[in-house]
């Protein structure tokens, strides 16, 4: 993409911080909800917060990354520049580990990739609490209490139910029934979580046949490990992920909460799209695996 297509303030900031860097082969990505991204020459990632509150997330992300690098084996970003309205780090190569890409691998390679991903989560979730607190890492932005979920359910019924067909309303009531009745236990010990393991944040090296890194820790922090499992279920489907849970046996204890979490994701995006007037939010859940058992199902 031509440099002329980029906002001039972005170009000026990159030039001021990296005066010797040729500004060629610029890739401008505005898909992110929190940051605009400019990749320079395929080697340097430059991020620019879009909102007044985004720098707070950026500072938390930097603390999480510094901590995570000491505990996880997969490569993660390393900030070279961190300022209030600008961050830069070396580009991590790889292609998004989509469900289609995963299914096109041999059974052995597919199992190896999922094992790597679950091992990453096991390592991340195992970071000692005292280290998390000493690093100044706070709660994940995705943290939800039972009260939060009940309030969310009321918002969905007020804002979305008039737009839905009967079977859709019933599906939502079935999803939230165990929460409202108290049958689904939402209690957990907070752990350091990624919080947003979308397929575009999990990098795969086709040549090596293995993962090459995990990026975008903007939602990371203390939270429910079930959320990280839920995103994997939503990305790849329970039939692929559940058989690999022996790579992280303790995560299986969170499976029922994860099933609930993944069931809420499309409703969260739909509510944000309808109430906030952002059509792209309402479409963000399209393309998921839709291969998750209901809460309370047997794990056999």
C-alpha atoms as a PDB file:
ATOM      1  CA  UNK A   1       0.000   0.000   0.000  1.00  0.00           C
ATOM      2  CA  UNK A   2       1.273   3.465  -0.831  1.00  0.00           C
ATOM      3  CA  UNK A   3       2.492   5.647   2.003  1.00  0.00           C
ATOM      4  CA  UNK A   4       0.064   8.307   0.738  1.00  0.00           C
ATOM      5  CA  UNK A   5      -2.810   6.078   1.853  1.00  0.00           C
ATOM      6  CA  UNK A   6      -1.703   6.352   5.474  1.00  0.00           C
ATOM      7  CA  UNK A   7      -2.631   9.183   7.836  1.00  0.00           C
ATOM      8  CA  UNK A   8       0.206  11.681   7.847  1.00  0.00           C
ATOM      9  CA  UNK A   9       0.552  11.683  11.662  1.00  0.00           C
ATOM     10  CA  UNK A  10       1.223   7.943  11.545  1.00  0.00           C
ATOM     11  CA  UNK A  11       3.953   8.393   8.953  1.00  0.00           C
ATOM     12  CA  UNK A  12       5.493  11.251  10.907  1.00  0.00           C
ATOM     13  CA  UNK A  13       5.602   9.211  14.098  1.00  0.00           C
ATOM     14  CA  UNK A  14       7.216   6.220  12.392  1.00  0.00           C
ATOM     15  CA  UNK A  15       9.819   8.460  10.744  1.00  0.00           C
ATOM     16  CA  UNK A  16      10.631  10.196  14.019  1.00  0.00           C
ATOM     17  CA  UNK A  17      11.176   6.928  15.885  1.00  0.00           C
ATOM     18  CA  UNK A  18      12.882   5.023  13.077  1.00  0.00           C
ATOM     19  CA  UNK A  19      14.631   7.660  10.912  1.00  0.00           C
ATOM     20  CA  UNK A  20      16.849   5.121   9.128  1.00  0.00           C
ATOM     21  CA  UNK A  21      13.995   2.778   8.252  1.00  0.00           C
ATOM     22  CA  UNK A  22      12.901   2.876   4.574  1.00  0.00           C
ATOM     23  CA  UNK A  23       9.144   3.422   4.506  1.00  0.00           C
ATOM     24  CA  UNK A  24       8.457   0.939   1.734  1.00  0.00           C
ATOM     25  CA  UNK A  25       5.989  -1.928   1.495  1.00  0.00           C
ATOM     26  CA  UNK A  26       3.604  -0.389   4.015  1.00  0.00           C
ATOM     27  CA  UNK A  27       0.594  -2.480   5.009  1.00  0.00           C
ATOM     28  CA  UNK A  28      -2.180  -0.492   6.691  1.00  0.00           C
ATOM     29  CA  UNK A  29      -4.702  -2.528   8.708  1.00  0.00           C
ATOM     30  CA  UNK A  30      -7.703  -0.832  10.305  1.00  0.00           C
ATOM     31  CA  UNK A  31      -9.607  -4.026  11.175  1.00  0.00           C
ATOM     32  CA  UNK A  32      -8.738  -3.927  14.870  1.00  0.00           C
ATOM     33  CA  UNK A  33     -11.273  -2.543  17.317  1.00  0.00           C
ATOM     34  CA  UNK A  34      -8.630  -0.906  19.519  1.00  0.00           C
ATOM     35  CA  UNK A  35      -5.623  -0.074  17.324  1.00  0.00           C
ATOM     36  CA  UNK A  36      -4.716   0.825  13.758  1.00  0.00           C
ATOM     37  CA  UNK A  37      -1.714  -1.187  12.582  1.00  0.00           C
ATOM     38  CA  UNK A  38       1.012  -0.333  10.083  1.00  0.00           C
ATOM     39  CA  UNK A  39       3.449  -3.089   9.089  1.00  0.00           C
ATOM     40  CA  UNK A  40       6.644  -1.647   7.609  1.00  0.00           C
ATOM     41  CA  UNK A  41       8.574  -3.782   5.137  1.00  0.00           C
ATOM     42  CA  UNK A  42       7.157  -6.948   6.626  1.00  0.00           C
ATOM     43  CA  UNK A  43       9.535  -6.477   9.562  1.00  0.00           C
ATOM     44  CA  UNK A  44       8.113  -3.894  11.963  1.00  0.00           C
ATOM     45  CA  UNK A  45       4.626  -3.621  13.475  1.00  0.00           C
ATOM     46  CA  UNK A  46       3.515  -0.110  14.476  1.00  0.00           C
ATOM     47  CA  UNK A  47       0.315   0.296  16.466  1.00  0.00           C
ATOM     48  CA  UNK A  48      -1.716   3.460  17.007  1.00  0.00           C
ATOM     49  CA  UNK A  49      -4.560   3.460  19.585  1.00  0.00           C
ATOM     50  CA  UNK A  50      -7.931   4.473  18.152  1.00  0.00           C
ATOM     51  CA  UNK A  51      -9.619   5.548  21.391  1.00  0.00           C
ATOM     52  CA  UNK A  52      -8.826   7.618  24.455  1.00  0.00           C
ATOM     53  CA  UNK A  53      -9.036   4.518  26.657  1.00  0.00           C
ATOM     54  CA  UNK A  54      -6.841   2.356  24.409  1.00  0.00           C
ATOM     55  CA  UNK A  55      -3.465   3.440  25.922  1.00  0.00           C
ATOM     56  CA  UNK A  56      -4.525   1.909  29.242  1.00  0.00           C
ATOM     57  CA  UNK A  57      -4.945  -1.457  27.538  1.00  0.00           C
ATOM     58  CA  UNK A  58      -1.610  -0.977  25.780  1.00  0.00           C
ATOM     59  CA  UNK A  59       0.226  -0.490  29.080  1.00  0.00           C
ATOM     60  CA  UNK A  60      -1.425  -3.592  30.539  1.00  0.00           C
ATOM     61  CA  UNK A  61      -0.503  -5.532  27.420  1.00  0.00           C
ATOM     62  CA  UNK A  62       3.143  -4.529  27.804  1.00  0.00           C
ATOM     63  CA  UNK A  63       3.173  -5.756  31.410  1.00  0.00           C
ATOM     64  CA  UNK A  64       1.538  -9.044  30.421  1.00  0.00           C
ATOM     65  CA  UNK A  65       4.001  -9.635  27.582  1.00  0.00           C
ATOM     66  CA  UNK A  66       7.012  -8.982  29.769  1.00  0.00           C
ATOM     67  CA  UNK A  67       5.672 -11.518  32.236  1.00  0.00           C
ATOM     68  CA  UNK A  68       4.482 -14.087  29.685  1.00  0.00           C
ATOM     69  CA  UNK A  69       7.848 -14.237  27.902  1.00  0.00           C
ATOM     70  CA  UNK A  70       9.364 -15.723  31.053  1.00  0.00           C
ATOM     71  CA  UNK A  71       6.848 -18.563  31.142  1.00  0.00           C
ATOM     72  CA  UNK A  72       5.651 -19.505  27.638  1.00  0.00           C
ATOM     73  CA  UNK A  73       7.653 -21.258  24.956  1.00  0.00           C
ATOM     74  CA  UNK A  74       5.815 -19.870  21.914  1.00  0.00           C
ATOM     75  CA  UNK A  75       7.105 -16.523  20.610  1.00  0.00           C
ATOM     76  CA  UNK A  76       5.086 -13.446  21.628  1.00  0.00           C
ATOM     77  CA  UNK A  77       5.595  -9.769  20.696  1.00  0.00           C
ATOM     78  CA  UNK A  78       8.433  -7.800  22.300  1.00  0.00           C
ATOM     79  CA  UNK A  79       7.816  -4.049  22.348  1.00  0.00           C
ATOM     80  CA  UNK A  80      10.775  -1.969  21.179  1.00  0.00           C
ATOM     81  CA  UNK A  81       8.840   1.281  21.544  1.00  0.00           C
ATOM     82  CA  UNK A  82       6.009   1.905  24.000  1.00  0.00           C
ATOM     83  CA  UNK A  83       4.538   5.387  24.220  1.00  0.00           C
ATOM     84  CA  UNK A  84       1.141   6.771  25.157  1.00  0.00           C
ATOM     85  CA  UNK A  85      -0.118   6.806  21.576  1.00  0.00           C
ATOM     86  CA  UNK A  86       2.345   4.554  19.756  1.00  0.00           C
ATOM     87  CA  UNK A  87       3.948   1.124  20.074  1.00  0.00           C
ATOM     88  CA  UNK A  88       6.264  -0.850  17.815  1.00  0.00           C
ATOM     89  CA  UNK A  89       7.708  -4.356  17.833  1.00  0.00           C
ATOM     90  CA  UNK A  90       9.345  -6.800  15.391  1.00  0.00           C
ATOM     91  CA  UNK A  91       6.910  -8.603  13.122  1.00  0.00           C
ATOM     92  CA  UNK A  92       6.176 -12.224  14.024  1.00  0.00           C
ATOM     93  CA  UNK A  93       5.780 -14.236  10.807  1.00  0.00           C
ATOM     94  CA  UNK A  94       3.045 -16.775  10.281  1.00  0.00           C
ATOM     95  CA  UNK A  95      -0.433 -17.307   8.886  1.00  0.00           C
ATOM     96  CA  UNK A  96      -3.679 -17.361  10.883  1.00  0.00           C
ATOM     97  CA  UNK A  97      -4.479 -20.828  12.176  1.00  0.00           C
ATOM     98  CA  UNK A  98      -8.014 -20.995  10.799  1.00  0.00           C
ATOM     99  CA  UNK A  99     -10.220 -24.046  11.177  1.00  0.00           C
ATOM    100  CA  UNK A 100      -9.937 -24.728   7.448  1.00  0.00           C
ATOM    101  CA  UNK A 101      -6.142 -24.621   7.632  1.00  0.00           C
ATOM    102  CA  UNK A 102      -6.189 -26.904  10.659  1.00  0.00           C
ATOM    103  CA  UNK A 103      -8.476 -29.436   8.959  1.00  0.00           C
ATOM    104  CA  UNK A 104      -6.257 -29.526   5.875  1.00  0.00           C
ATOM    105  CA  UNK A 105      -3.320 -30.705   7.959  1.00  0.00           C
ATOM    106  CA  UNK A 106      -2.630 -34.378   8.465  1.00  0.00           C
ATOM    107  CA  UNK A 107      -4.106 -35.833  11.629  1.00  0.00           C
ATOM    108  CA  UNK A 108      -0.672 -35.908  13.225  1.00  0.00           C
ATOM    109  CA  UNK A 109       0.132 -32.280  12.331  1.00  0.00           C
ATOM    110  CA  UNK A 110      -3.320 -31.141  13.455  1.00  0.00           C
ATOM    111  CA  UNK A 111      -2.908 -32.805  16.831  1.00  0.00           C
ATOM    112  CA  UNK A 112       0.567 -31.314  17.180  1.00  0.00           C
ATOM    113  CA  UNK A 113      -0.695 -27.779  16.473  1.00  0.00           C
ATOM    114  CA  UNK A 114      -3.525 -28.076  18.983  1.00  0.00           C
ATOM    115  CA  UNK A 115      -1.138 -29.555  21.552  1.00  0.00           C
ATOM    116  CA  UNK A 116       1.156 -26.548  21.103  1.00  0.00           C
ATOM    117  CA  UNK A 117      -1.773 -24.195  21.573  1.00  0.00           C
ATOM    118  CA  UNK A 118      -3.048 -25.946  24.689  1.00  0.00           C
ATOM    119  CA  UNK A 119       0.498 -26.078  26.089  1.00  0.00           C
ATOM    120  CA  UNK A 120       0.725 -22.315  25.589  1.00  0.00           C
ATOM    121  CA  UNK A 121      -2.481 -21.879  27.597  1.00  0.00           C
ATOM    122  CA  UNK A 122      -1.263 -24.251  30.315  1.00  0.00           C
ATOM    123  CA  UNK A 123       1.939 -22.227  30.667  1.00  0.00           C
ATOM    124  CA  UNK A 124       0.135 -18.891  30.618  1.00  0.00           C
ATOM    125  CA  UNK A 125      -2.517 -19.910  33.134  1.00  0.00           C
ATOM    126  CA  UNK A 126       0.186 -21.304  35.444  1.00  0.00           C
ATOM    127  CA  UNK A 127       2.024 -17.991  35.891  1.00  0.00           C
ATOM    128  CA  UNK A 128       2.218 -17.581  39.690  1.00  0.00           C
ATOM    129  CA  UNK A 129      -0.252 -15.140  41.209  1.00  0.00           C
ATOM    130  CA  UNK A 130       2.466 -13.293  43.105  1.00  0.00           C
ATOM    131  CA  UNK A 131       4.323 -12.592  39.858  1.00  0.00           C
ATOM    132  CA  UNK A 132       1.129 -11.333  38.214  1.00  0.00           C
ATOM    133  CA  UNK A 133       0.474  -8.978  41.124  1.00  0.00           C
ATOM    134  CA  UNK A 134       4.113  -7.819  41.267  1.00  0.00           C
ATOM    135  CA  UNK A 135       3.962  -6.988  37.548  1.00  0.00           C
ATOM    136  CA  UNK A 136       0.927  -4.754  38.131  1.00  0.00           C
ATOM    137  CA  UNK A 137      -1.324  -6.797  35.836  1.00  0.00           C
ATOM    138  CA  UNK A 138      -5.012  -6.170  36.503  1.00  0.00           C
ATOM    139  CA  UNK A 139      -8.195  -7.969  35.480  1.00  0.00           C
ATOM    140  CA  UNK A 140      -8.784  -8.891  31.867  1.00  0.00           C
ATOM    141  CA  UNK A 141     -11.157  -6.560  30.060  1.00  0.00           C
ATOM    142  CA  UNK A 142     -13.259  -9.661  29.362  1.00  0.00           C
ATOM    143  CA  UNK A 143     -13.939 -10.430  33.039  1.00  0.00           C
ATOM    144  CA  UNK A 144     -17.632 -11.153  33.768  1.00  0.00           C
ATOM    145  CA  UNK A 145     -19.434 -11.918  37.020  1.00  0.00           C
ATOM    146  CA  UNK A 146     -22.765 -13.736  37.353  1.00  0.00           C
ATOM    147  CA  UNK A 147     -24.383 -10.349  37.928  1.00  0.00           C
ATOM    148  CA  UNK A 148     -22.796  -9.079  34.702  1.00  0.00           C
ATOM    149  CA  UNK A 149     -24.229 -12.041  32.804  1.00  0.00           C
ATOM    150  CA  UNK A 150     -27.700 -11.556  34.230  1.00  0.00           C
ATOM    151  CA  UNK A 151     -27.620  -7.879  33.293  1.00  0.00           C
ATOM    152  CA  UNK A 152     -26.413  -8.826  29.814  1.00  0.00           C
ATOM    153  CA  UNK A 153     -29.291 -11.289  29.416  1.00  0.00           C
ATOM    154  CA  UNK A 154     -31.755  -8.526  30.252  1.00  0.00           C
ATOM    155  CA  UNK A 155     -30.159  -6.223  27.670  1.00  0.00           C
ATOM    156  CA  UNK A 156     -30.378  -8.898  24.985  1.00  0.00           C
ATOM    157  CA  UNK A 157     -34.040  -9.531  25.709  1.00  0.00           C
ATOM    158  CA  UNK A 158     -34.846  -5.821  25.647  1.00  0.00           C
ATOM    159  CA  UNK A 159     -32.856  -4.910  22.540  1.00  0.00           C
ATOM    160  CA  UNK A 160     -32.722  -8.062  20.403  1.00  0.00           C
ATOM    161  CA  UNK A 161     -35.802 -10.127  21.175  1.00  0.00           C
ATOM    162  CA  UNK A 162     -38.119  -7.833  19.145  1.00  0.00           C
ATOM    163  CA  UNK A 163     -35.902  -8.591  16.115  1.00  0.00           C
ATOM    164  CA  UNK A 164     -35.710 -12.351  16.574  1.00  0.00           C
ATOM    165  CA  UNK A 165     -37.799 -15.343  15.601  1.00  0.00           C
ATOM    166  CA  UNK A 166     -39.320 -17.547  18.260  1.00  0.00           C
ATOM    167  CA  UNK A 167     -36.735 -20.336  18.001  1.00  0.00           C
ATOM    168  CA  UNK A 168     -33.926 -17.805  18.412  1.00  0.00           C
ATOM    169  CA  UNK A 169     -35.468 -16.380  21.558  1.00  0.00           C
ATOM    170  CA  UNK A 170     -35.879 -19.890  22.917  1.00  0.00           C
ATOM    171  CA  UNK A 171     -32.238 -20.738  22.132  1.00  0.00           C
ATOM    172  CA  UNK A 172     -31.118 -17.736  24.153  1.00  0.00           C
ATOM    173  CA  UNK A 173     -33.341 -18.686  27.097  1.00  0.00           C
ATOM    174  CA  UNK A 174     -31.918 -22.225  27.016  1.00  0.00           C
ATOM    175  CA  UNK A 175     -28.370 -20.873  26.994  1.00  0.00           C
ATOM    176  CA  UNK A 176     -28.950 -18.626  30.008  1.00  0.00           C
ATOM    177  CA  UNK A 177     -31.295 -20.963  31.897  1.00  0.00           C
ATOM    178  CA  UNK A 178     -28.485 -22.667  33.905  1.00  0.00           C
ATOM    179  CA  UNK A 179     -27.039 -19.273  34.862  1.00  0.00           C
ATOM    180  CA  UNK A 180     -30.355 -17.855  35.995  1.00  0.00           C
ATOM    181  CA  UNK A 181     -31.188 -20.988  37.987  1.00  0.00           C
ATOM    182  CA  UNK A 182     -27.719 -21.255  39.489  1.00  0.00           C
ATOM    183  CA  UNK A 183     -27.228 -24.737  37.993  1.00  0.00           C
ATOM    184  CA  UNK A 184     -24.063 -23.573  36.181  1.00  0.00           C
ATOM    185  CA  UNK A 185     -21.276 -22.793  38.629  1.00  0.00           C
ATOM    186  CA  UNK A 186     -19.414 -19.739  37.324  1.00  0.00           C
ATOM    187  CA  UNK A 187     -16.927 -19.604  40.188  1.00  0.00           C
ATOM    188  CA  UNK A 188     -13.227 -19.914  39.339  1.00  0.00           C
ATOM    189  CA  UNK A 189      -9.768 -18.953  40.495  1.00  0.00           C
ATOM    190  CA  UNK A 190      -8.570 -16.046  38.324  1.00  0.00           C
ATOM    191  CA  UNK A 191      -5.532 -16.864  36.207  1.00  0.00           C
ATOM    192  CA  UNK A 192      -3.496 -14.939  33.674  1.00  0.00           C
ATOM    193  CA  UNK A 193      -5.450 -15.386  30.426  1.00  0.00           C
ATOM    194  CA  UNK A 194      -5.036 -14.193  26.849  1.00  0.00           C
ATOM    195  CA  UNK A 195      -8.720 -13.392  26.485  1.00  0.00           C
ATOM    196  CA  UNK A 196      -8.867 -13.097  22.680  1.00  0.00           C
ATOM    197  CA  UNK A 197      -7.314 -16.113  20.955  1.00  0.00           C
ATOM    198  CA  UNK A 198      -9.021 -15.475  17.624  1.00  0.00           C
ATOM    199  CA  UNK A 199      -7.613 -17.383  14.666  1.00  0.00           C
ATOM    200  CA  UNK A 200      -5.899 -14.178  13.505  1.00  0.00           C
ATOM    201  CA  UNK A 201      -3.923 -14.072  16.781  1.00  0.00           C
ATOM    202  CA  UNK A 202      -2.593 -17.643  16.493  1.00  0.00           C
ATOM    203  CA  UNK A 203       0.247 -17.810  13.956  1.00  0.00           C
ATOM    204  CA  UNK A 204       1.132 -20.967  12.016  1.00  0.00           C
ATOM    205  CA  UNK A 205       4.244 -21.698   9.952  1.00  0.00           C
ATOM    206  CA  UNK A 206       3.147 -23.933   7.035  1.00  0.00           C
ATOM    207  CA  UNK A 207       6.734 -24.775   6.119  1.00  0.00           C
ATOM    208  CA  UNK A 208       7.654 -25.990   9.583  1.00  0.00           C
ATOM    209  CA  UNK A 209       4.172 -27.386  10.232  1.00  0.00           C
ATOM    210  CA  UNK A 210       3.973 -25.806  13.666  1.00  0.00           C
ATOM    211  CA  UNK A 211       2.875 -22.655  15.470  1.00  0.00           C
ATOM    212  CA  UNK A 212       5.149 -19.642  15.116  1.00  0.00           C
ATOM    213  CA  UNK A 213       3.670 -17.360  17.774  1.00  0.00           C
ATOM    214  CA  UNK A 214       0.716 -15.772  19.529  1.00  0.00           C
ATOM    215  CA  UNK A 215      -0.011 -12.055  19.183  1.00  0.00           C
ATOM    216  CA  UNK A 216      -2.362  -9.302  20.440  1.00  0.00           C
ATOM    217  CA  UNK A 217      -2.540  -9.533  24.219  1.00  0.00           C
ATOM    218  CA  UNK A 218      -4.718  -6.433  24.450  1.00  0.00           C
ATOM    219  CA  UNK A 219      -7.449  -8.283  26.350  1.00  0.00           C
ATOM    220  CA  UNK A 220      -5.038 -10.263  28.531  1.00  0.00           C
ATOM    221  CA  UNK A 221      -5.080 -10.086  32.312  1.00  0.00           C
ATOM    222  CA  UNK A 222      -6.510 -11.923  35.292  1.00  0.00           C
ATOM    223  CA  UNK A 223      -9.670 -13.759  34.330  1.00  0.00           C
ATOM    224  CA  UNK A 224     -11.507 -17.022  33.831  1.00  0.00           C
ATOM    225  CA  UNK A 225      -9.447 -19.738  32.062  1.00  0.00           C
ATOM    226  CA  UNK A 226     -12.735 -20.966  30.601  1.00  0.00           C
ATOM    227  CA  UNK A 227     -12.750 -17.958  28.278  1.00  0.00           C
ATOM    228  CA  UNK A 228      -9.533 -19.030  26.548  1.00  0.00           C
ATOM    229  CA  UNK A 229     -10.957 -22.531  26.113  1.00  0.00           C
ATOM    230  CA  UNK A 230     -14.234 -21.067  24.864  1.00  0.00           C
ATOM    231  CA  UNK A 231     -12.497 -19.162  22.090  1.00  0.00           C
ATOM    232  CA  UNK A 232     -10.728 -22.348  20.978  1.00  0.00           C
ATOM    233  CA  UNK A 233     -14.072 -24.163  20.911  1.00  0.00           C
ATOM    234  CA  UNK A 234     -15.553 -21.342  18.858  1.00  0.00           C
ATOM    235  CA  UNK A 235     -12.603 -21.310  16.470  1.00  0.00           C
ATOM    236  CA  UNK A 236     -12.090 -25.015  15.895  1.00  0.00           C
ATOM    237  CA  UNK A 237     -15.030 -26.917  17.392  1.00  0.00           C
ATOM    238  CA  UNK A 238     -15.325 -29.160  20.410  1.00  0.00           C
ATOM    239  CA  UNK A 239     -14.844 -32.323  18.348  1.00  0.00           C
ATOM    240  CA  UNK A 240     -11.300 -31.172  17.496  1.00  0.00           C
ATOM    241  CA  UNK A 241     -10.337 -29.490  20.760  1.00  0.00           C
ATOM    242  CA  UNK A 242     -11.787 -31.774  23.437  1.00  0.00           C
ATOM    243  CA  UNK A 243      -9.757 -34.887  22.450  1.00  0.00           C
ATOM    244  CA  UNK A 244      -6.582 -32.826  22.895  1.00  0.00           C
ATOM    245  CA  UNK A 245      -7.360 -31.671  26.443  1.00  0.00           C
ATOM    246  CA  UNK A 246      -4.951 -34.276  27.912  1.00  0.00           C
ATOM    247  CA  UNK A 247      -2.244 -31.788  26.882  1.00  0.00           C
ATOM    248  CA  UNK A 248      -3.731 -29.540  29.596  1.00  0.00           C
ATOM    249  CA  UNK A 249      -5.852 -31.852  31.775  1.00  0.00           C
ATOM    250  CA  UNK A 250      -6.912 -29.190  34.284  1.00  0.00           C
ATOM    251  CA  UNK A 251      -8.571 -27.199  31.519  1.00  0.00           C
ATOM    252  CA  UNK A 252     -11.179 -29.933  31.206  1.00  0.00           C
ATOM    253  CA  UNK A 253     -12.540 -28.832  34.584  1.00  0.00           C
ATOM    254  CA  UNK A 254     -13.587 -25.558  32.912  1.00  0.00           C
ATOM    255  CA  UNK A 255     -15.298 -27.164  29.915  1.00  0.00           C
ATOM    256  CA  UNK A 256     -18.891 -26.527  30.945  1.00  0.00           C
ATOM    257  CA  UNK A 257     -18.235 -22.828  31.666  1.00  0.00           C
ATOM    258  CA  UNK A 258     -16.392 -22.632  28.360  1.00  0.00           C
ATOM    259  CA  UNK A 259     -19.417 -24.038  26.546  1.00  0.00           C
ATOM    260  CA  UNK A 260     -21.527 -21.307  28.086  1.00  0.00           C
ATOM    261  CA  UNK A 261     -18.957 -18.628  27.239  1.00  0.00           C
ATOM    262  CA  UNK A 262     -18.746 -19.650  23.588  1.00  0.00           C
ATOM    263  CA  UNK A 263     -22.526 -19.699  23.379  1.00  0.00           C
ATOM    264  CA  UNK A 264     -22.626 -16.059  24.449  1.00  0.00           C
ATOM    265  CA  UNK A 265     -20.098 -14.756  21.935  1.00  0.00           C
ATOM    266  CA  UNK A 266     -22.413 -14.254  18.965  1.00  0.00           C
ATOM    267  CA  UNK A 267     -24.973 -12.648  21.272  1.00  0.00           C
ATOM    268  CA  UNK A 268     -22.346 -10.250  22.615  1.00  0.00           C
ATOM    269  CA  UNK A 269     -21.381  -9.150  19.120  1.00  0.00           C
ATOM    270  CA  UNK A 270     -24.988  -8.907  17.971  1.00  0.00           C
ATOM    271  CA  UNK A 271     -25.940  -6.723  20.931  1.00  0.00           C
ATOM    272  CA  UNK A 272     -22.949  -4.447  20.363  1.00  0.00           C
ATOM    273  CA  UNK A 273     -23.856  -4.159  16.691  1.00  0.00           C
ATOM    274  CA  UNK A 274     -27.544  -3.409  17.170  1.00  0.00           C
ATOM    275  CA  UNK A 275     -27.305  -1.129  20.197  1.00  0.00           C
ATOM    276  CA  UNK A 276     -24.084   0.562  19.122  1.00  0.00           C
ATOM    277  CA  UNK A 277     -25.109   0.916  15.496  1.00  0.00           C
ATOM    278  CA  UNK A 278     -21.945  -0.846  14.260  1.00  0.00           C
ATOM    279  CA  UNK A 279     -23.037  -3.303  11.605  1.00  0.00           C
ATOM    280  CA  UNK A 280     -19.602  -4.928  11.476  1.00  0.00           C
ATOM    281  CA  UNK A 281     -19.956  -5.952  15.136  1.00  0.00           C
ATOM    282  CA  UNK A 282     -23.193  -7.795  14.414  1.00  0.00           C
ATOM    283  CA  UNK A 283     -21.372  -9.753  11.690  1.00  0.00           C
ATOM    284  CA  UNK A 284     -18.221 -10.539  13.679  1.00  0.00           C
ATOM    285  CA  UNK A 285     -19.416 -13.969  14.865  1.00  0.00           C
ATOM    286  CA  UNK A 286     -19.890 -15.327  11.337  1.00  0.00           C
ATOM    287  CA  UNK A 287     -17.605 -18.196  10.345  1.00  0.00           C
ATOM    288  CA  UNK A 288     -17.289 -19.919  13.718  1.00  0.00           C
ATOM    289  CA  UNK A 289     -17.126 -23.684  14.077  1.00  0.00           C
ATOM    290  CA  UNK A 290     -20.631 -24.119  15.609  1.00  0.00           C
ATOM    291  CA  UNK A 291     -19.497 -27.427  17.047  1.00  0.00           C
ATOM    292  CA  UNK A 292     -20.025 -27.141  20.818  1.00  0.00           C
ATOM    293  CA  UNK A 293     -22.144 -29.279  23.128  1.00  0.00           C
ATOM    294  CA  UNK A 294     -24.687 -27.655  25.455  1.00  0.00           C
ATOM    295  CA  UNK A 295     -23.709 -26.972  29.059  1.00  0.00           C
ATOM    296  CA  UNK A 296     -24.226 -30.014  31.237  1.00  0.00           C
ATOM    297  CA  UNK A 297     -23.400 -32.484  28.447  1.00  0.00           C
ATOM    298  CA  UNK A 298     -21.317 -35.547  29.202  1.00  0.00           C
ATOM    299  CA  UNK A 299     -17.615 -35.266  28.366  1.00  0.00           C
ATOM    300  CA  UNK A 300     -17.480 -38.914  27.261  1.00  0.00           C
END
